[in-house]
C-alpha atoms as a PDB file:
ATOM      1  CA  UNK A   1     153.566 117.932 -86.278  1.00  0.00           C
ATOM      2  CA  UNK A   2     151.765 115.124 -84.413  1.00  0.00           C
ATOM      3  CA  UNK A   3     148.792 116.183 -82.316  1.00  0.00           C
ATOM      4  CA  UNK A   4     146.304 114.476 -80.053  1.00  0.00           C
ATOM      5  CA  UNK A   5     142.760 115.174 -78.950  1.00  0.00           C
ATOM      6  CA  UNK A   6     143.622 114.262 -75.357  1.00  0.00           C
ATOM      7  CA  UNK A   7     144.080 117.562 -73.454  1.00  0.00           C
ATOM      8  CA  UNK A   8     145.866 115.765 -70.610  1.00  0.00           C
ATOM      9  CA  UNK A   9     148.628 114.662 -72.982  1.00  0.00           C
ATOM     10  CA  UNK A  10     149.006 118.160 -74.427  1.00  0.00           C
ATOM     11  CA  UNK A  11     148.744 119.973 -71.081  1.00  0.00           C
ATOM     12  CA  UNK A  12     152.343 121.032 -70.674  1.00  0.00           C
ATOM     13  CA  UNK A  13     153.368 121.154 -74.315  1.00  0.00           C
ATOM     14  CA  UNK A  14     155.662 124.026 -75.043  1.00  0.00           C
ATOM     15  CA  UNK A  15     156.682 125.053 -78.524  1.00  0.00           C
ATOM     16  CA  UNK A  16     159.943 126.572 -79.657  1.00  0.00           C
ATOM     17  CA  UNK A  17     160.266 130.300 -80.144  1.00  0.00           C
ATOM     18  CA  UNK A  18     160.909 129.585 -83.831  1.00  0.00           C
ATOM     19  CA  UNK A  19     157.590 127.731 -84.109  1.00  0.00           C
ATOM     20  CA  UNK A  20     155.776 130.506 -82.219  1.00  0.00           C
ATOM     21  CA  UNK A  21     157.225 133.171 -84.512  1.00  0.00           C
ATOM     22  CA  UNK A  22     156.223 131.117 -87.568  1.00  0.00           C
ATOM     23  CA  UNK A  23     152.635 130.676 -86.320  1.00  0.00           C
ATOM     24  CA  UNK A  24     152.174 134.344 -85.445  1.00  0.00           C
ATOM     25  CA  UNK A  25     153.848 135.514 -88.652  1.00  0.00           C
ATOM     26  CA  UNK A  26     151.487 133.265 -90.630  1.00  0.00           C
ATOM     27  CA  UNK A  27     148.519 134.899 -88.855  1.00  0.00           C
ATOM     28  CA  UNK A  28     149.771 138.429 -89.547  1.00  0.00           C
ATOM     29  CA  UNK A  29     150.413 137.512 -93.204  1.00  0.00           C
ATOM     30  CA  UNK A  30     146.883 136.112 -93.462  1.00  0.00           C
ATOM     31  CA  UNK A  31     145.423 139.306 -91.982  1.00  0.00           C
ATOM     32  CA  UNK A  32     147.472 141.507 -94.313  1.00  0.00           C
ATOM     33  CA  UNK A  33     146.465 139.538 -97.404  1.00  0.00           C
ATOM     34  CA  UNK A  34     142.823 138.968 -96.471  1.00  0.00           C
ATOM     35  CA  UNK A  35     141.887 142.655 -96.420  1.00  0.00           C
ATOM     36  CA  UNK A  36     139.575 141.647 -93.582  1.00  0.00           C
ATOM     37  CA  UNK A  37     138.397 144.261 -91.086  1.00  0.00           C
ATOM     38  CA  UNK A  38     139.339 141.922 -88.237  1.00  0.00           C
ATOM     39  CA  UNK A  39     142.974 142.697 -87.500  1.00  0.00           C
ATOM     40  CA  UNK A  40     143.426 141.357 -83.977  1.00  0.00           C
ATOM     41  CA  UNK A  41     146.897 139.912 -83.542  1.00  0.00           C
ATOM     42  CA  UNK A  42     146.740 138.977 -79.875  1.00  0.00           C
ATOM     43  CA  UNK A  43     144.734 139.117 -76.651  1.00  0.00           C
ATOM     44  CA  UNK A  44     145.905 139.979 -73.154  1.00  0.00           C
ATOM     45  CA  UNK A  45     144.328 137.489 -70.730  1.00  0.00           C
ATOM     46  CA  UNK A  46     144.658 138.585 -67.090  1.00  0.00           C
ATOM     47  CA  UNK A  47     146.165 136.001 -64.757  1.00  0.00           C
ATOM     48  CA  UNK A  48     143.291 136.779 -62.341  1.00  0.00           C
ATOM     49  CA  UNK A  49     140.818 135.298 -64.840  1.00  0.00           C
ATOM     50  CA  UNK A  50     142.894 132.132 -65.143  1.00  0.00           C
ATOM     51  CA  UNK A  51     143.266 131.856 -61.345  1.00  0.00           C
ATOM     52  CA  UNK A  52     139.520 132.312 -60.861  1.00  0.00           C
ATOM     53  CA  UNK A  53     138.815 129.624 -63.446  1.00  0.00           C
ATOM     54  CA  UNK A  54     141.189 127.236 -61.664  1.00  0.00           C
ATOM     55  CA  UNK A  55     139.868 128.085 -58.184  1.00  0.00           C
ATOM     56  CA  UNK A  56     136.222 127.486 -59.114  1.00  0.00           C
ATOM     57  CA  UNK A  57     136.895 124.555 -61.459  1.00  0.00           C
ATOM     58  CA  UNK A  58     139.647 122.385 -59.944  1.00  0.00           C
ATOM     59  CA  UNK A  59     138.602 119.438 -62.146  1.00  0.00           C
ATOM     60  CA  UNK A  60     138.856 121.380 -65.404  1.00  0.00           C
ATOM     61  CA  UNK A  61     141.183 119.888 -67.983  1.00  0.00           C
ATOM     62  CA  UNK A  62     141.281 123.033 -70.033  1.00  0.00           C
ATOM     63  CA  UNK A  63     139.810 126.377 -70.977  1.00  0.00           C
ATOM     64  CA  UNK A  64     138.003 126.991 -74.230  1.00  0.00           C
ATOM     65  CA  UNK A  65     138.444 130.492 -75.673  1.00  0.00           C
ATOM     66  CA  UNK A  66     135.649 131.777 -77.885  1.00  0.00           C
ATOM     67  CA  UNK A  67     136.072 134.817 -80.106  1.00  0.00           C
ATOM     68  CA  UNK A  68     133.505 137.557 -79.664  1.00  0.00           C
ATOM     69  CA  UNK A  69     132.835 141.192 -80.487  1.00  0.00           C
ATOM     70  CA  UNK A  70     131.642 144.000 -78.227  1.00  0.00           C
ATOM     71  CA  UNK A  71     130.061 145.632 -81.271  1.00  0.00           C
ATOM     72  CA  UNK A  72     128.816 143.433 -84.143  1.00  0.00           C
ATOM     73  CA  UNK A  73     129.696 146.202 -86.603  1.00  0.00           C
ATOM     74  CA  UNK A  74     133.241 146.783 -85.303  1.00  0.00           C
ATOM     75  CA  UNK A  75     135.787 144.081 -86.072  1.00  0.00           C
ATOM     76  CA  UNK A  76     138.289 145.882 -83.832  1.00  0.00           C
ATOM     77  CA  UNK A  77     136.123 145.308 -80.722  1.00  0.00           C
ATOM     78  CA  UNK A  78     137.286 141.698 -80.399  1.00  0.00           C
ATOM     79  CA  UNK A  79     137.085 139.866 -77.090  1.00  0.00           C
ATOM     80  CA  UNK A  80     137.876 136.397 -75.792  1.00  0.00           C
ATOM     81  CA  UNK A  81     135.235 134.556 -73.795  1.00  0.00           C
ATOM     82  CA  UNK A  82     136.908 131.984 -71.528  1.00  0.00           C
ATOM     83  CA  UNK A  83     134.999 128.896 -70.412  1.00  0.00           C
ATOM     84  CA  UNK A  84     136.336 126.027 -68.288  1.00  0.00           C
ATOM     85  CA  UNK A  85     136.076 122.546 -69.787  1.00  0.00           C
ATOM     86  CA  UNK A  86     135.363 119.471 -67.648  1.00  0.00           C
ATOM     87  CA  UNK A  87     135.078 116.029 -69.225  1.00  0.00           C
ATOM     88  CA  UNK A  88     135.169 117.671 -72.655  1.00  0.00           C
ATOM     89  CA  UNK A  89     132.151 119.900 -71.940  1.00  0.00           C
ATOM     90  CA  UNK A  90     131.892 123.659 -71.415  1.00  0.00           C
ATOM     91  CA  UNK A  91     130.865 124.482 -67.836  1.00  0.00           C
ATOM     92  CA  UNK A  92     129.152 127.844 -68.234  1.00  0.00           C
ATOM     93  CA  UNK A  93     127.451 127.974 -64.831  1.00  0.00           C
ATOM     94  CA  UNK A  94     129.136 127.721 -61.450  1.00  0.00           C
ATOM     95  CA  UNK A  95     128.449 124.467 -59.637  1.00  0.00           C
ATOM     96  CA  UNK A  96     125.503 124.902 -57.264  1.00  0.00           C
ATOM     97  CA  UNK A  97     124.243 128.048 -58.973  1.00  0.00           C
ATOM     98  CA  UNK A  98     120.671 128.602 -60.171  1.00  0.00           C
ATOM     99  CA  UNK A  99     121.879 128.624 -63.773  1.00  0.00           C
ATOM    100  CA  UNK A 100     120.402 132.038 -64.537  1.00  0.00           C
ATOM    101  CA  UNK A 101     122.102 133.297 -67.738  1.00  0.00           C
ATOM    102  CA  UNK A 102     121.550 136.938 -66.693  1.00  0.00           C
ATOM    103  CA  UNK A 103     123.129 136.622 -63.223  1.00  0.00           C
ATOM    104  CA  UNK A 104     126.857 137.303 -63.078  1.00  0.00           C
ATOM    105  CA  UNK A 105     126.997 135.398 -59.760  1.00  0.00           C
ATOM    106  CA  UNK A 106     125.846 132.212 -61.598  1.00  0.00           C
ATOM    107  CA  UNK A 107     128.287 132.611 -64.476  1.00  0.00           C
ATOM    108  CA  UNK A 108     131.420 130.519 -64.912  1.00  0.00           C
ATOM    109  CA  UNK A 109     132.401 132.494 -68.034  1.00  0.00           C
ATOM    110  CA  UNK A 110     135.185 135.094 -68.042  1.00  0.00           C
ATOM    111  CA  UNK A 111     136.223 138.002 -70.212  1.00  0.00           C
ATOM    112  CA  UNK A 112     138.612 140.644 -69.092  1.00  0.00           C
ATOM    113  CA  UNK A 113     140.732 140.328 -72.196  1.00  0.00           C
ATOM    114  CA  UNK A 114     142.064 143.216 -74.239  1.00  0.00           C
ATOM    115  CA  UNK A 115     142.716 142.854 -77.932  1.00  0.00           C
ATOM    116  CA  UNK A 116     145.806 144.015 -79.802  1.00  0.00           C
ATOM    117  CA  UNK A 117     145.327 146.257 -81.665  1.00  0.00           C
ATOM    118  CA  UNK A 118     144.255 148.659 -80.269  1.00  0.00           C
ATOM    119  CA  UNK A 119     145.582 147.735 -76.790  1.00  0.00           C
ATOM    120  CA  UNK A 120     149.187 146.817 -77.617  1.00  0.00           C
ATOM    121  CA  UNK A 121     152.539 147.114 -75.999  1.00  0.00           C
ATOM    122  CA  UNK A 122     155.312 148.723 -78.071  1.00  0.00           C
ATOM    123  CA  UNK A 123     156.643 145.235 -78.844  1.00  0.00           C
ATOM    124  CA  UNK A 124     153.320 143.679 -79.852  1.00  0.00           C
ATOM    125  CA  UNK A 125     154.818 141.169 -82.258  1.00  0.00           C
ATOM    126  CA  UNK A 126     156.462 137.961 -81.161  1.00  0.00           C
ATOM    127  CA  UNK A 127     160.040 138.246 -82.363  1.00  0.00           C
ATOM    128  CA  UNK A 128     163.174 136.677 -80.920  1.00  0.00           C
END
């Protein structure tokens, strides 16, 4: 499958349901065979987080999602940390802020995600 490093060219790229099922099945197979404690299959990302990112970063060409843990000893406490990307760079502080890493009002970083498991809908696997 051809890819590019230019986010603008990939911006609206959809994939087929068949490709999506294959990708997610591959991930679940990897988890099953790895015997790894990390078993997260998906994350719920609230639309409000995406809207806030777009509202405060109209020039962003993308969002980078970092994997994190609430508890370093609990692989099931997975989180996504969402950061807007402008000109290929993470923008972790709001424009015009003091840049204080301990002030939520200065932060341009979002996480209101919920991992699956344990927070799953009854149909938590992508199947046609």
